[in-house]
Amino acid sequence: AFLSGSRLNDEAMNLIANSASLRNLEFLTLRWCHITDDGARALAASPHLNKLSDLDLTGNEFTGDVPSALRKRFPGVRF
């Protein structure tokens, strides 16, 4: 799945993170989507994104512990 330049609010990120229909998703690109720290935390805590091996979050700015939480869950994540 690929999105670029869209504004994805926390509700959209929670929908992605909690969508059981995405459990087989392997690639997700969300470049320059203005994702907040809370939205990123939702991705990291998702019970369904276990097969996600390629996550591209280029252009989104995260603070605090969010980058390390994303790296821990998705080791190949790109910022």
N, C-alpha and C. Protein backbone atom coordinates (compact mmCIF):
# COMPACT_ATOMS: atom_id res chain seq x y z
N ALA A 1 0.85 -1.17 0.00
CA ALA A 1 0.00 0.00 0.00
C ALA A 1 0.89 1.23 0.00
N PHE A 2 0.49 2.27 -0.71
CA PHE A 2 1.31 3.46 -0.86
C PHE A 2 0.45 4.71 -0.78
N LEU A 3 0.81 5.62 0.11
CA LEU A 3 0.19 6.94 0.20
C LEU A 3 1.31 7.95 0.35
N SER A 4 1.17 9.08 -0.32
CA SER A 4 2.18 10.12 -0.20
C SER A 4 1.49 11.48 -0.22
N GLY A 5 1.86 12.33 0.72
CA GLY A 5 1.34 13.68 0.76
C GLY A 5 -0.06 13.81 1.30
N SER A 6 -0.66 12.73 1.73
CA SER A 6 -2.00 12.79 2.32
C SER A 6 -1.89 13.16 3.80
N ARG A 7 -2.93 13.69 4.35
CA ARG A 7 -2.97 13.94 5.79
C ARG A 7 -3.72 12.79 6.45
N LEU A 8 -2.98 12.03 7.24
CA LEU A 8 -3.59 10.90 7.94
C LEU A 8 -3.67 11.24 9.43
N ASN A 9 -4.87 11.48 9.90
CA ASN A 9 -5.03 11.83 11.31
C ASN A 9 -4.95 10.57 12.17
N ASP A 10 -5.03 10.79 13.48
CA ASP A 10 -4.91 9.67 14.41
C ASP A 10 -6.00 8.63 14.20
N GLU A 11 -7.19 9.06 13.84
CA GLU A 11 -8.29 8.11 13.58
C GLU A 11 -7.95 7.21 12.40
N ALA A 12 -7.39 7.77 11.34
CA ALA A 12 -7.00 6.97 10.17
C ALA A 12 -5.91 5.98 10.54
N MET A 13 -4.95 6.41 11.36
CA MET A 13 -3.87 5.51 11.76
C MET A 13 -4.40 4.39 12.64
N ASN A 14 -5.36 4.70 13.52
CA ASN A 14 -5.97 3.66 14.34
C ASN A 14 -6.74 2.66 13.49
N LEU A 15 -7.40 3.14 12.45
CA LEU A 15 -8.11 2.23 11.54
C LEU A 15 -7.13 1.28 10.85
N ILE A 16 -6.01 1.82 10.38
CA ILE A 16 -4.99 0.97 9.75
C ILE A 16 -4.46 -0.05 10.76
N ALA A 17 -4.09 0.44 11.92
CA ALA A 17 -3.48 -0.42 12.94
C ALA A 17 -4.43 -1.52 13.43
N ASN A 18 -5.71 -1.24 13.46
CA ASN A 18 -6.67 -2.19 14.02
C ASN A 18 -7.48 -2.95 12.97
N SER A 19 -7.07 -2.86 11.73
CA SER A 19 -7.79 -3.55 10.66
C SER A 19 -7.27 -4.98 10.49
N ALA A 20 -8.08 -5.93 10.87
CA ALA A 20 -7.70 -7.33 10.72
C ALA A 20 -7.51 -7.71 9.25
N SER A 21 -8.15 -6.98 8.35
CA SER A 21 -8.01 -7.29 6.93
C SER A 21 -6.62 -6.95 6.40
N LEU A 22 -5.81 -6.23 7.18
CA LEU A 22 -4.44 -5.90 6.76
C LEU A 22 -3.40 -6.84 7.38
N ARG A 23 -3.85 -7.92 7.96
CA ARG A 23 -2.92 -8.82 8.65
C ARG A 23 -1.87 -9.45 7.75
N ASN A 24 -2.10 -9.49 6.44
CA ASN A 24 -1.11 -10.05 5.51
C ASN A 24 -0.30 -8.98 4.79
N LEU A 25 -0.48 -7.72 5.19
CA LEU A 25 0.23 -6.62 4.57
C LEU A 25 1.73 -6.73 4.85
N GLU A 26 2.53 -6.68 3.78
CA GLU A 26 3.98 -6.78 3.92
C GLU A 26 4.69 -5.46 3.66
N PHE A 27 4.11 -4.59 2.85
CA PHE A 27 4.73 -3.32 2.48
C PHE A 27 3.74 -2.19 2.73
N LEU A 28 4.21 -1.12 3.40
CA LEU A 28 3.37 0.03 3.66
C LEU A 28 4.21 1.29 3.54
N THR A 29 3.83 2.17 2.64
CA THR A 29 4.52 3.44 2.43
C THR A 29 3.56 4.56 2.75
N LEU A 30 3.94 5.35 3.74
CA LEU A 30 3.13 6.50 4.19
C LEU A 30 4.05 7.72 4.25
N ARG A 31 4.52 8.16 3.10
CA ARG A 31 5.47 9.28 3.03
C ARG A 31 4.75 10.62 3.13
N TRP A 32 5.34 11.51 3.93
CA TRP A 32 4.87 12.89 4.03
C TRP A 32 3.36 12.96 4.32
N CYS A 33 2.88 12.15 5.24
CA CYS A 33 1.45 12.08 5.54
C CYS A 33 1.07 12.80 6.83
N HIS A 34 2.00 13.54 7.43
CA HIS A 34 1.71 14.32 8.63
C HIS A 34 1.20 13.44 9.77
N ILE A 35 1.79 12.26 9.90
CA ILE A 35 1.40 11.32 10.95
C ILE A 35 1.92 11.84 12.29
N THR A 36 1.08 11.84 13.30
CA THR A 36 1.47 12.31 14.63
C THR A 36 2.15 11.17 15.40
N ASP A 37 2.73 11.55 16.55
CA ASP A 37 3.32 10.54 17.43
C ASP A 37 2.28 9.50 17.84
N ASP A 38 1.06 9.96 18.15
CA ASP A 38 0.01 9.02 18.56
C ASP A 38 -0.35 8.06 17.43
N GLY A 39 -0.39 8.57 16.21
CA GLY A 39 -0.66 7.71 15.06
C GLY A 39 0.43 6.66 14.86
N ALA A 40 1.67 7.09 15.05
CA ALA A 40 2.80 6.16 14.93
C ALA A 40 2.77 5.11 16.04
N ARG A 41 2.41 5.54 17.24
CA ARG A 41 2.30 4.58 18.36
C ARG A 41 1.22 3.53 18.07
N ALA A 42 0.14 3.95 17.42
CA ALA A 42 -0.91 3.00 17.05
C ALA A 42 -0.35 1.93 16.11
N LEU A 43 0.45 2.35 15.14
CA LEU A 43 1.07 1.37 14.23
C LEU A 43 1.95 0.40 15.01
N ALA A 44 2.78 0.94 15.89
CA ALA A 44 3.70 0.11 16.66
C ALA A 44 2.97 -0.88 17.56
N ALA A 45 1.79 -0.52 18.02
CA ALA A 45 1.02 -1.38 18.92
C ALA A 45 0.03 -2.28 18.19
N SER A 46 -0.02 -2.20 16.88
CA SER A 46 -1.01 -2.96 16.11
C SER A 46 -0.90 -4.47 16.34
N PRO A 47 -2.03 -5.11 16.62
CA PRO A 47 -2.03 -6.56 16.75
C PRO A 47 -2.08 -7.27 15.39
N HIS A 48 -2.22 -6.51 14.30
CA HIS A 48 -2.43 -7.11 12.99
C HIS A 48 -1.29 -6.94 11.99
N LEU A 49 -0.34 -6.08 12.25
CA LEU A 49 0.70 -5.79 11.26
C LEU A 49 1.95 -6.63 11.47
N ASN A 50 1.76 -7.87 11.84
CA ASN A 50 2.88 -8.75 12.15
C ASN A 50 3.69 -9.17 10.93
N LYS A 51 3.12 -9.11 9.75
CA LYS A 51 3.85 -9.50 8.54
C LYS A 51 4.48 -8.31 7.83
N LEU A 52 4.29 -7.12 8.38
CA LEU A 52 4.81 -5.91 7.76
C LEU A 52 6.34 -5.91 7.87
N SER A 53 7.01 -6.04 6.74
CA SER A 53 8.47 -6.09 6.74
C SER A 53 9.09 -4.85 6.10
N ASP A 54 8.30 -4.03 5.43
CA ASP A 54 8.82 -2.83 4.78
C ASP A 54 7.88 -1.67 5.09
N LEU A 55 8.31 -0.78 6.01
CA LEU A 55 7.52 0.37 6.41
C LEU A 55 8.31 1.63 6.11
N ASP A 56 7.76 2.47 5.24
CA ASP A 56 8.42 3.72 4.86
C ASP A 56 7.60 4.90 5.37
N LEU A 57 8.14 5.60 6.35
CA LEU A 57 7.48 6.76 6.95
C LEU A 57 8.27 8.04 6.66
N THR A 58 8.97 8.07 5.54
CA THR A 58 9.78 9.22 5.16
C THR A 58 8.96 10.51 5.20
N GLY A 59 9.54 11.55 5.80
CA GLY A 59 8.90 12.85 5.82
C GLY A 59 7.96 13.10 6.97
N ASN A 60 7.72 12.11 7.79
CA ASN A 60 6.91 12.29 8.99
C ASN A 60 7.87 12.54 10.15
N GLU A 61 7.58 13.51 10.98
CA GLU A 61 8.47 13.86 12.07
C GLU A 61 7.92 13.37 13.40
N PHE A 62 8.69 12.51 14.03
CA PHE A 62 8.28 11.93 15.30
C PHE A 62 9.21 12.40 16.41
N THR A 63 8.72 12.41 17.63
CA THR A 63 9.51 12.89 18.75
C THR A 63 9.61 11.83 19.84
N GLY A 64 10.41 12.14 20.84
CA GLY A 64 10.53 11.29 22.02
C GLY A 64 10.92 9.86 21.69
N ASP A 65 10.18 8.93 22.28
CA ASP A 65 10.49 7.51 22.14
C ASP A 65 9.85 6.87 20.90
N VAL A 66 9.12 7.65 20.13
CA VAL A 66 8.38 7.09 18.99
C VAL A 66 9.30 6.44 17.95
N PRO A 67 10.39 7.09 17.50
CA PRO A 67 11.25 6.42 16.52
C PRO A 67 11.80 5.08 17.03
N SER A 68 12.21 5.03 18.29
CA SER A 68 12.75 3.76 18.80
C SER A 68 11.67 2.71 18.93
N ALA A 69 10.45 3.10 19.29
CA ALA A 69 9.34 2.14 19.37
C ALA A 69 9.02 1.57 18.00
N LEU A 70 9.05 2.43 16.99
CA LEU A 70 8.81 1.95 15.61
C LEU A 70 9.93 1.03 15.15
N ARG A 71 11.18 1.39 15.45
CA ARG A 71 12.31 0.54 15.05
C ARG A 71 12.27 -0.82 15.75
N LYS A 72 11.83 -0.81 17.00
CA LYS A 72 11.74 -2.08 17.74
C LYS A 72 10.70 -3.00 17.11
N ARG A 73 9.56 -2.44 16.74
CA ARG A 73 8.48 -3.25 16.16
C ARG A 73 8.74 -3.58 14.69
N PHE A 74 9.27 -2.60 13.94
CA PHE A 74 9.52 -2.74 12.51
C PHE A 74 10.98 -2.37 12.23
N PRO A 75 11.90 -3.33 12.41
CA PRO A 75 13.34 -3.03 12.35
C PRO A 75 13.80 -2.30 11.08
N GLY A 76 13.17 -2.49 9.97
CA GLY A 76 13.60 -1.86 8.73
C GLY A 76 12.90 -0.55 8.41
N VAL A 77 12.19 0.02 9.39
CA VAL A 77 11.42 1.24 9.14
C VAL A 77 12.35 2.36 8.65
N ARG A 78 11.83 3.16 7.71
CA ARG A 78 12.58 4.30 7.19
C ARG A 78 11.82 5.57 7.55
N PHE A 79 12.61 6.60 7.92
CA PHE A 79 12.02 7.90 8.30
C PHE A 79 12.42 8.96 7.29
